[in-house]
N, C-alpha and C. Protein backbone atom coordinates (compact mmCIF):
# COMPACT_ATOMS: atom_id res chain seq x y z
N MET A 1 212.30 275.21 88.60
CA MET A 1 212.52 274.73 89.95
C MET A 1 212.10 273.27 90.10
N PHE A 2 210.95 272.94 89.51
CA PHE A 2 210.45 271.57 89.62
C PHE A 2 211.42 270.58 88.96
N THR A 3 211.95 270.89 87.81
CA THR A 3 212.88 270.00 87.13
C THR A 3 214.20 269.88 87.88
N LYS A 4 214.61 270.94 88.56
CA LYS A 4 215.84 270.87 89.35
C LYS A 4 215.66 269.91 90.52
N LYS A 5 214.52 270.00 91.19
CA LYS A 5 214.24 269.08 92.30
C LYS A 5 214.16 267.65 91.79
N LYS A 6 213.52 267.51 90.65
CA LYS A 6 213.37 266.19 90.06
C LYS A 6 214.73 265.60 89.70
N SER A 7 215.62 266.42 89.16
CA SER A 7 216.94 265.94 88.78
C SER A 7 217.78 265.60 90.00
N LEU A 8 217.55 266.24 91.12
CA LEU A 8 218.25 265.91 92.36
C LEU A 8 217.67 264.67 93.02
N LEU A 9 216.41 264.44 92.85
CA LEU A 9 215.74 263.30 93.45
C LEU A 9 216.11 262.00 92.75
N PHE A 10 216.30 262.04 91.44
CA PHE A 10 216.59 260.83 90.68
C PHE A 10 217.87 260.12 91.15
N PRO A 11 219.02 260.80 91.29
CA PRO A 11 220.22 260.11 91.77
C PRO A 11 220.02 259.49 93.16
N PHE A 12 219.28 260.19 94.02
CA PHE A 12 219.01 259.65 95.34
C PHE A 12 218.22 258.34 95.24
N LEU A 13 217.18 258.32 94.42
CA LEU A 13 216.37 257.10 94.24
C LEU A 13 217.18 255.99 93.60
N LEU A 14 218.05 256.35 92.67
CA LEU A 14 218.89 255.36 92.02
C LEU A 14 219.83 254.71 93.04
N CYS A 15 220.44 255.50 93.88
CA CYS A 15 221.33 254.97 94.92
C CYS A 15 220.56 254.08 95.89
N LEU A 16 219.37 254.50 96.26
CA LEU A 16 218.53 253.71 97.16
C LEU A 16 218.20 252.37 96.54
N THR A 17 217.85 252.36 95.27
CA THR A 17 217.51 251.12 94.56
C THR A 17 218.72 250.20 94.49
N ILE A 18 219.87 250.74 94.16
CA ILE A 18 221.09 249.93 94.10
C ILE A 18 221.38 249.32 95.46
N SER A 19 221.21 250.09 96.50
CA SER A 19 221.43 249.59 97.85
C SER A 19 220.50 248.42 98.16
N ILE A 20 219.24 248.54 97.79
CA ILE A 20 218.28 247.47 98.06
C ILE A 20 218.64 246.23 97.26
N TYR A 21 218.98 246.38 95.96
CA TYR A 21 219.34 245.23 95.16
C TYR A 21 220.59 244.54 95.67
N SER A 22 221.58 245.32 96.08
CA SER A 22 222.80 244.70 96.57
C SER A 22 222.54 243.96 97.88
N GLN A 23 221.63 244.48 98.69
CA GLN A 23 221.29 243.80 99.94
C GLN A 23 220.59 242.48 99.63
N GLN A 24 219.68 242.46 98.66
CA GLN A 24 218.99 241.23 98.30
C GLN A 24 219.99 240.21 97.76
N GLY A 25 220.92 240.64 96.96
CA GLY A 25 221.91 239.74 96.40
C GLY A 25 222.76 239.11 97.48
N SER A 26 223.17 239.91 98.45
CA SER A 26 223.98 239.36 99.53
C SER A 26 223.17 238.42 100.40
N THR A 27 221.89 238.69 100.56
CA THR A 27 221.03 237.78 101.32
C THR A 27 220.94 236.44 100.61
N ALA A 28 220.81 236.45 99.30
CA ALA A 28 220.74 235.20 98.53
C ALA A 28 222.01 234.37 98.72
N LYS A 29 223.14 235.04 98.72
CA LYS A 29 224.42 234.33 98.90
C LYS A 29 224.47 233.67 100.27
N TYR A 30 224.03 234.39 101.30
CA TYR A 30 224.05 233.83 102.65
C TYR A 30 223.01 232.72 102.81
N GLU A 31 221.85 232.89 102.20
CA GLU A 31 220.85 231.82 102.26
C GLU A 31 221.39 230.55 101.61
N ALA A 32 222.07 230.70 100.49
CA ALA A 32 222.67 229.53 99.82
C ALA A 32 223.72 228.86 100.71
N MET A 33 224.53 229.67 101.39
CA MET A 33 225.54 229.09 102.30
C MET A 33 224.86 228.39 103.48
N PHE A 34 223.80 228.97 104.01
CA PHE A 34 223.06 228.32 105.08
C PHE A 34 222.55 226.96 104.61
N ILE A 35 221.93 226.94 103.42
CA ILE A 35 221.37 225.69 102.89
C ILE A 35 222.47 224.64 102.75
N LYS A 36 223.60 225.02 102.22
CA LYS A 36 224.74 224.09 102.10
C LYS A 36 225.14 223.57 103.48
N ASN A 37 225.18 224.46 104.47
CA ASN A 37 225.57 224.04 105.82
C ASN A 37 224.49 223.22 106.52
N PHE A 38 223.22 223.38 106.13
CA PHE A 38 222.17 222.54 106.70
C PHE A 38 222.45 221.06 106.42
N LEU A 39 223.15 220.77 105.32
CA LEU A 39 223.46 219.38 104.97
C LEU A 39 224.27 218.68 106.06
N ARG A 40 225.00 219.45 106.84
CA ARG A 40 225.79 218.88 107.94
C ARG A 40 224.91 218.37 109.08
N TYR A 41 223.73 218.95 109.22
CA TYR A 41 222.87 218.68 110.36
C TYR A 41 221.60 217.92 110.02
N VAL A 42 221.44 217.57 108.75
CA VAL A 42 220.23 216.89 108.31
C VAL A 42 220.62 215.60 107.60
N GLU A 43 220.01 214.50 108.02
CA GLU A 43 220.22 213.22 107.36
C GLU A 43 218.94 212.85 106.64
N ILE A 44 219.06 212.66 105.32
CA ILE A 44 217.89 212.35 104.51
C ILE A 44 218.11 211.00 103.86
N ASN A 45 217.26 210.02 104.22
CA ASN A 45 217.36 208.70 103.61
C ASN A 45 217.11 208.80 102.12
N GLY A 46 217.87 208.07 101.37
CA GLY A 46 217.69 208.05 99.92
C GLY A 46 218.48 209.11 99.18
N SER A 47 219.23 209.94 99.90
CA SER A 47 219.99 210.98 99.20
C SER A 47 221.28 210.42 98.60
N GLY A 48 221.75 209.28 99.10
CA GLY A 48 222.96 208.68 98.55
C GLY A 48 224.14 209.61 98.69
N ALA A 49 225.03 209.55 97.70
CA ALA A 49 226.23 210.38 97.74
C ALA A 49 225.92 211.84 97.47
N ASN A 50 224.89 212.09 96.67
CA ASN A 50 224.52 213.47 96.33
C ASN A 50 223.16 213.83 96.88
N THR A 51 223.08 215.00 97.47
CA THR A 51 221.80 215.55 97.89
C THR A 51 221.33 216.46 96.77
N VAL A 52 220.08 216.24 96.35
CA VAL A 52 219.52 217.07 95.28
C VAL A 52 218.69 218.18 95.91
N ILE A 53 219.08 219.41 95.62
CA ILE A 53 218.38 220.59 96.12
C ILE A 53 217.63 221.20 94.95
N GLY A 54 216.31 221.27 95.09
CA GLY A 54 215.49 221.89 94.07
C GLY A 54 215.14 223.31 94.48
N VAL A 55 215.07 224.20 93.51
CA VAL A 55 214.66 225.57 93.75
C VAL A 55 213.42 225.80 92.91
N LEU A 56 212.32 226.13 93.58
CA LEU A 56 211.04 226.31 92.91
C LEU A 56 211.03 227.65 92.17
N GLY A 57 211.00 227.60 90.84
CA GLY A 57 210.94 228.83 90.05
C GLY A 57 212.28 229.54 89.98
N ASN A 58 212.20 230.85 89.77
CA ASN A 58 213.39 231.68 89.60
C ASN A 58 213.79 232.33 90.91
N SER A 59 215.08 232.37 91.16
CA SER A 59 215.58 232.97 92.39
C SER A 59 217.08 233.21 92.25
N GLN A 60 217.56 234.26 92.88
CA GLN A 60 218.99 234.52 92.96
C GLN A 60 219.68 233.39 93.74
N VAL A 61 218.95 232.77 94.66
CA VAL A 61 219.50 231.67 95.45
C VAL A 61 219.85 230.49 94.54
N LEU A 62 219.08 230.28 93.48
CA LEU A 62 219.37 229.21 92.53
C LEU A 62 220.78 229.38 91.97
N MET A 63 221.10 230.58 91.53
CA MET A 63 222.43 230.83 90.96
C MET A 63 223.53 230.66 92.00
N GLU A 64 223.26 231.13 93.21
CA GLU A 64 224.26 231.00 94.28
C GLU A 64 224.48 229.52 94.64
N LEU A 65 223.40 228.75 94.71
CA LEU A 65 223.52 227.32 95.01
C LEU A 65 224.25 226.58 93.89
N GLN A 66 223.97 226.94 92.65
CA GLN A 66 224.66 226.31 91.52
C GLN A 66 226.15 226.57 91.59
N GLN A 67 226.53 227.77 91.99
CA GLN A 67 227.95 228.09 92.13
C GLN A 67 228.58 227.25 93.23
N ILE A 68 227.90 227.12 94.36
CA ILE A 68 228.41 226.30 95.45
C ILE A 68 228.50 224.84 95.03
N ALA A 69 227.47 224.35 94.33
CA ALA A 69 227.44 222.95 93.89
C ALA A 69 228.56 222.63 92.92
N SER A 70 228.97 223.62 92.12
CA SER A 70 230.05 223.40 91.15
C SER A 70 231.37 223.09 91.85
N MET A 71 231.48 223.51 93.11
CA MET A 71 232.71 223.27 93.88
C MET A 71 232.53 222.14 94.89
N SER A 72 231.34 221.54 94.93
CA SER A 72 231.03 220.52 95.92
C SER A 72 230.75 219.19 95.22
N HIS A 73 231.10 218.13 95.88
CA HIS A 73 230.87 216.81 95.30
C HIS A 73 229.66 216.11 95.92
N ASN A 74 229.01 216.76 96.87
CA ASN A 74 227.92 216.07 97.55
C ASN A 74 226.55 216.72 97.34
N MET A 75 226.43 217.61 96.36
CA MET A 75 225.13 218.22 96.11
C MET A 75 224.93 218.57 94.65
N GLN A 76 223.66 218.47 94.24
CA GLN A 76 223.24 218.90 92.92
C GLN A 76 222.13 219.90 93.11
N VAL A 77 222.00 220.83 92.18
CA VAL A 77 220.96 221.85 92.26
C VAL A 77 220.15 221.81 90.98
N LYS A 78 218.82 221.80 91.14
CA LYS A 78 217.92 221.77 89.98
C LYS A 78 216.86 222.85 90.12
N LYS A 79 216.54 223.46 89.00
CA LYS A 79 215.44 224.42 88.94
C LYS A 79 214.16 223.61 88.76
N ILE A 80 213.19 223.82 89.64
CA ILE A 80 211.93 223.08 89.61
C ILE A 80 210.84 223.98 89.02
N MET A 81 210.26 223.52 87.93
CA MET A 81 209.19 224.28 87.29
C MET A 81 207.86 223.52 87.32
N ASN A 82 207.93 222.22 87.60
CA ASN A 82 206.75 221.36 87.57
C ASN A 82 206.67 220.60 88.90
N PRO A 83 205.50 220.55 89.53
CA PRO A 83 205.38 219.86 90.82
C PRO A 83 205.84 218.40 90.80
N SER A 84 205.74 217.74 89.67
CA SER A 84 206.17 216.34 89.59
C SER A 84 207.68 216.19 89.78
N GLU A 85 208.44 217.26 89.59
CA GLU A 85 209.89 217.22 89.74
C GLU A 85 210.31 217.27 91.21
N ILE A 86 209.41 217.66 92.08
CA ILE A 86 209.74 217.81 93.50
C ILE A 86 210.19 216.50 94.12
N SER A 87 209.57 215.40 93.70
CA SER A 87 209.88 214.10 94.30
C SER A 87 211.32 213.65 94.01
N LYS A 88 212.00 214.29 93.07
CA LYS A 88 213.39 213.95 92.74
C LYS A 88 214.38 214.68 93.64
N CYS A 89 213.87 215.51 94.55
CA CYS A 89 214.72 216.32 95.43
C CYS A 89 214.65 215.80 96.86
N GLN A 90 215.70 216.06 97.60
CA GLN A 90 215.67 215.82 99.04
C GLN A 90 215.39 217.12 99.78
N ILE A 91 215.78 218.24 99.18
CA ILE A 91 215.56 219.56 99.75
C ILE A 91 214.91 220.44 98.69
N LEU A 92 213.93 221.22 99.09
CA LEU A 92 213.27 222.15 98.17
C LEU A 92 213.30 223.55 98.78
N TYR A 93 213.82 224.49 98.01
CA TYR A 93 213.85 225.90 98.43
C TYR A 93 212.71 226.62 97.72
N VAL A 94 211.88 227.32 98.51
CA VAL A 94 210.75 228.06 97.96
C VAL A 94 211.02 229.55 98.16
N PRO A 95 211.36 230.27 97.07
CA PRO A 95 211.61 231.71 97.18
C PRO A 95 210.31 232.48 97.36
N LYS A 96 210.44 233.73 97.79
CA LYS A 96 209.26 234.58 98.01
C LYS A 96 208.39 234.68 96.78
N ASN A 97 209.00 234.76 95.60
CA ASN A 97 208.19 234.92 94.39
C ASN A 97 207.41 233.67 94.01
N SER A 98 207.62 232.57 94.73
CA SER A 98 206.90 231.32 94.46
C SER A 98 206.03 230.90 95.64
N TYR A 99 205.81 231.82 96.59
CA TYR A 99 205.08 231.44 97.80
C TYR A 99 203.66 230.97 97.51
N LYS A 100 203.08 231.42 96.39
CA LYS A 100 201.72 231.00 96.06
C LYS A 100 201.68 229.51 95.71
N ASN A 101 202.82 228.92 95.39
CA ASN A 101 202.88 227.52 95.02
C ASN A 101 203.06 226.60 96.23
N ILE A 102 202.97 227.13 97.43
CA ILE A 102 203.17 226.30 98.62
C ILE A 102 202.14 225.19 98.69
N ALA A 103 200.94 225.40 98.16
CA ALA A 103 199.93 224.34 98.14
C ALA A 103 200.43 223.15 97.33
N LEU A 104 201.14 223.40 96.25
CA LEU A 104 201.71 222.32 95.44
C LEU A 104 202.78 221.57 96.23
N VAL A 105 203.52 222.33 97.00
CA VAL A 105 204.63 221.76 97.75
C VAL A 105 204.13 220.86 98.88
N LYS A 106 202.99 221.18 99.45
CA LYS A 106 202.49 220.43 100.60
C LYS A 106 201.80 219.12 100.21
N THR A 107 201.77 218.78 98.95
CA THR A 107 201.13 217.56 98.51
C THR A 107 201.95 216.35 98.94
N ASP A 108 201.42 215.17 98.69
CA ASP A 108 202.12 213.94 99.01
C ASP A 108 203.47 213.82 98.31
N ILE A 109 203.60 214.50 97.17
CA ILE A 109 204.86 214.46 96.42
C ILE A 109 206.01 214.93 97.30
N ALA A 110 205.76 215.95 98.10
CA ALA A 110 206.83 216.56 98.91
C ALA A 110 206.79 216.12 100.37
N ARG A 111 206.06 215.06 100.64
CA ARG A 111 205.90 214.61 102.03
C ARG A 111 207.24 214.36 102.71
N ASN A 112 208.20 213.82 101.97
CA ASN A 112 209.50 213.50 102.56
C ASN A 112 210.63 214.35 102.01
N VAL A 113 210.29 215.59 101.68
CA VAL A 113 211.28 216.55 101.20
C VAL A 113 211.42 217.66 102.24
N LEU A 114 212.65 218.02 102.56
CA LEU A 114 212.89 219.13 103.48
C LEU A 114 212.58 220.43 102.74
N ILE A 115 211.61 221.19 103.24
CA ILE A 115 211.17 222.41 102.57
C ILE A 115 211.75 223.62 103.31
N ILE A 116 212.50 224.42 102.57
CA ILE A 116 213.12 225.63 103.12
C ILE A 116 212.52 226.83 102.39
N SER A 117 212.08 227.82 103.15
CA SER A 117 211.42 228.97 102.55
C SER A 117 212.19 230.25 102.81
N GLU A 118 212.15 231.11 101.80
CA GLU A 118 212.72 232.44 101.94
C GLU A 118 211.77 233.35 102.71
N ASP A 119 210.49 233.04 102.65
CA ASP A 119 209.45 233.85 103.28
C ASP A 119 209.08 233.25 104.63
N ASP A 120 209.34 233.98 105.68
CA ASP A 120 209.09 233.48 107.03
C ASP A 120 207.62 233.16 107.29
N LYS A 121 206.72 233.76 106.52
CA LYS A 121 205.30 233.48 106.70
C LYS A 121 204.94 232.05 106.33
N LEU A 122 205.76 231.43 105.50
CA LEU A 122 205.47 230.06 105.05
C LEU A 122 205.80 229.00 106.09
N ILE A 123 206.47 229.38 107.14
CA ILE A 123 206.78 228.40 108.19
C ILE A 123 205.50 227.86 108.82
N MET A 124 204.45 228.66 108.83
CA MET A 124 203.18 228.21 109.38
C MET A 124 202.29 227.56 108.32
N LYS A 125 202.77 227.54 107.08
CA LYS A 125 201.97 226.97 105.99
C LYS A 125 202.61 225.72 105.39
N GLY A 126 203.61 225.18 106.07
CA GLY A 126 204.17 223.92 105.59
C GLY A 126 205.67 223.87 105.42
N ALA A 127 206.36 224.99 105.48
CA ALA A 127 207.81 224.95 105.36
C ALA A 127 208.42 224.37 106.64
N ASP A 128 209.53 223.68 106.49
CA ASP A 128 210.23 223.09 107.65
C ASP A 128 211.22 224.08 108.26
N LEU A 129 211.86 224.85 107.39
CA LEU A 129 212.80 225.89 107.81
C LEU A 129 212.47 227.15 107.01
N SER A 130 212.62 228.30 107.63
CA SER A 130 212.41 229.54 106.89
C SER A 130 213.38 230.60 107.39
N PHE A 131 213.82 231.42 106.46
CA PHE A 131 214.75 232.49 106.77
C PHE A 131 214.02 233.75 107.19
N TYR A 132 214.67 234.51 108.06
CA TYR A 132 214.19 235.84 108.42
C TYR A 132 215.39 236.68 108.83
N ILE A 133 215.21 237.98 108.82
CA ILE A 133 216.28 238.89 109.21
C ILE A 133 215.88 239.58 110.50
N GLU A 134 216.80 239.54 111.45
CA GLU A 134 216.58 240.20 112.74
C GLU A 134 217.88 240.91 113.12
N ASP A 135 217.78 242.18 113.42
CA ASP A 135 218.96 242.99 113.76
C ASP A 135 220.04 242.88 112.67
N ASN A 136 219.59 242.95 111.41
CA ASN A 136 220.47 242.87 110.24
C ASN A 136 221.26 241.56 110.15
N LYS A 137 220.73 240.49 110.77
CA LYS A 137 221.37 239.18 110.71
C LYS A 137 220.38 238.18 110.15
N LEU A 138 220.88 237.33 109.26
CA LEU A 138 220.06 236.28 108.69
C LEU A 138 219.94 235.15 109.71
N LYS A 139 218.71 234.77 110.00
CA LYS A 139 218.43 233.69 110.96
C LYS A 139 217.39 232.77 110.34
N PHE A 140 217.08 231.69 111.04
CA PHE A 140 216.07 230.79 110.51
C PHE A 140 215.21 230.20 111.63
N HIS A 141 213.94 229.97 111.25
CA HIS A 141 212.99 229.29 112.12
C HIS A 141 212.93 227.82 111.73
N ILE A 142 212.62 227.00 112.69
CA ILE A 142 212.46 225.56 112.47
C ILE A 142 211.06 225.15 112.90
N ASN A 143 210.36 224.48 112.01
CA ASN A 143 209.02 223.97 112.30
C ASN A 143 209.16 222.51 112.72
N LYS A 144 209.33 222.29 114.01
CA LYS A 144 209.57 220.95 114.53
C LYS A 144 208.39 220.02 114.27
N GLU A 145 207.20 220.55 114.38
CA GLU A 145 206.00 219.73 114.15
C GLU A 145 205.98 219.18 112.72
N SER A 146 206.30 220.03 111.77
CA SER A 146 206.36 219.61 110.37
C SER A 146 207.46 218.57 110.15
N LEU A 147 208.61 218.80 110.73
CA LEU A 147 209.72 217.86 110.58
C LEU A 147 209.41 216.50 111.19
N ASN A 148 208.65 216.49 112.27
CA ASN A 148 208.31 215.22 112.92
C ASN A 148 207.43 214.33 112.05
N THR A 149 206.75 214.90 111.06
CA THR A 149 205.90 214.10 110.18
C THR A 149 206.69 213.46 109.04
N LYS A 150 207.93 213.83 108.88
CA LYS A 150 208.76 213.33 107.77
C LYS A 150 209.65 212.20 108.27
N THR A 151 209.26 211.00 107.93
CA THR A 151 209.92 209.82 108.48
C THR A 151 211.33 209.58 107.96
N ASN A 152 211.65 210.08 106.79
CA ASN A 152 212.98 209.83 106.23
C ASN A 152 213.98 210.95 106.50
N ILE A 153 213.58 211.96 107.28
CA ILE A 153 214.47 213.09 107.56
C ILE A 153 214.78 213.13 109.06
N LYS A 154 216.05 213.10 109.37
CA LYS A 154 216.49 213.22 110.76
C LYS A 154 217.31 214.50 110.90
N VAL A 155 216.91 215.32 111.86
CA VAL A 155 217.57 216.60 112.08
C VAL A 155 218.34 216.54 113.39
N SER A 156 219.59 216.94 113.33
CA SER A 156 220.45 216.95 114.51
C SER A 156 219.96 218.00 115.52
N SER A 157 220.14 217.68 116.78
CA SER A 157 219.78 218.64 117.83
C SER A 157 220.64 219.91 117.71
N LYS A 158 221.80 219.81 117.07
CA LYS A 158 222.66 220.98 116.88
C LYS A 158 221.98 222.02 115.98
N LEU A 159 221.22 221.56 114.98
CA LEU A 159 220.51 222.50 114.12
C LEU A 159 219.42 223.22 114.90
N PHE A 160 218.74 222.48 115.79
CA PHE A 160 217.71 223.12 116.62
C PHE A 160 218.34 224.16 117.54
N ALA A 161 219.57 223.93 117.97
CA ALA A 161 220.26 224.91 118.81
C ALA A 161 220.64 226.16 118.03
N LEU A 162 220.89 226.02 116.74
CA LEU A 162 221.29 227.16 115.90
C LEU A 162 220.11 228.00 115.44
N GLY A 163 218.96 227.35 115.24
CA GLY A 163 217.78 228.07 114.77
C GLY A 163 216.81 228.35 115.90
N GLN A 164 215.69 228.92 115.54
CA GLN A 164 214.65 229.20 116.54
C GLN A 164 213.44 228.34 116.22
N GLU A 165 213.09 227.49 117.16
CA GLU A 165 211.92 226.62 117.00
C GLU A 165 210.64 227.42 117.11
N ILE A 166 209.68 227.03 116.32
CA ILE A 166 208.35 227.64 116.46
C ILE A 166 207.36 226.57 116.87
C-alpha cells in the first residue's frame, strides 16, 4: 500500500515541479522584455550607441537578454562575475541568487549604474527598480530616492507612471 501511494505521489510532484520551473522561465523572459523596454524611458549619459546591461552571476534572465540583444543594435549583455566589471555597465540586473552581493553593488563603482533587481526586497537595500508579481502579473517598484542620487541617469515620468514608486 505504501509503495502504491508513493508511486502515485511521484507523478504529481513531478508535474508540480515542471509547472514551477516553466513559470520561472516565463518570468525570466518577461523580466528581460521589461529591461529592454526600460531603455525607452531611461537616459544614461555615457551609454553611446550601445547600452551595456550586466547580469550579476547566473540567471535565466541573462540568456533571455542575450537573445534579445542578438536581435537589437542598441544593447550588449555581459555576465558580471567580478565587482570591478560593474563600472563597464550602464544597467545591472541582480538576480535573486545574487542578492547577497548587493553590498558590492552599492559601492562607488555602481554609483551611476541603474540597478534592477529580481528580488523586491532589494528595493530598500539599494536597487533602483525591482520586479514583483501581483495578481499573477509582473510589475515593478521604483526607488525614486535612489535614482535621484544618480546624476548621469534621467528617468522619464512615463516610467514612473508605469511602475509603483516606493
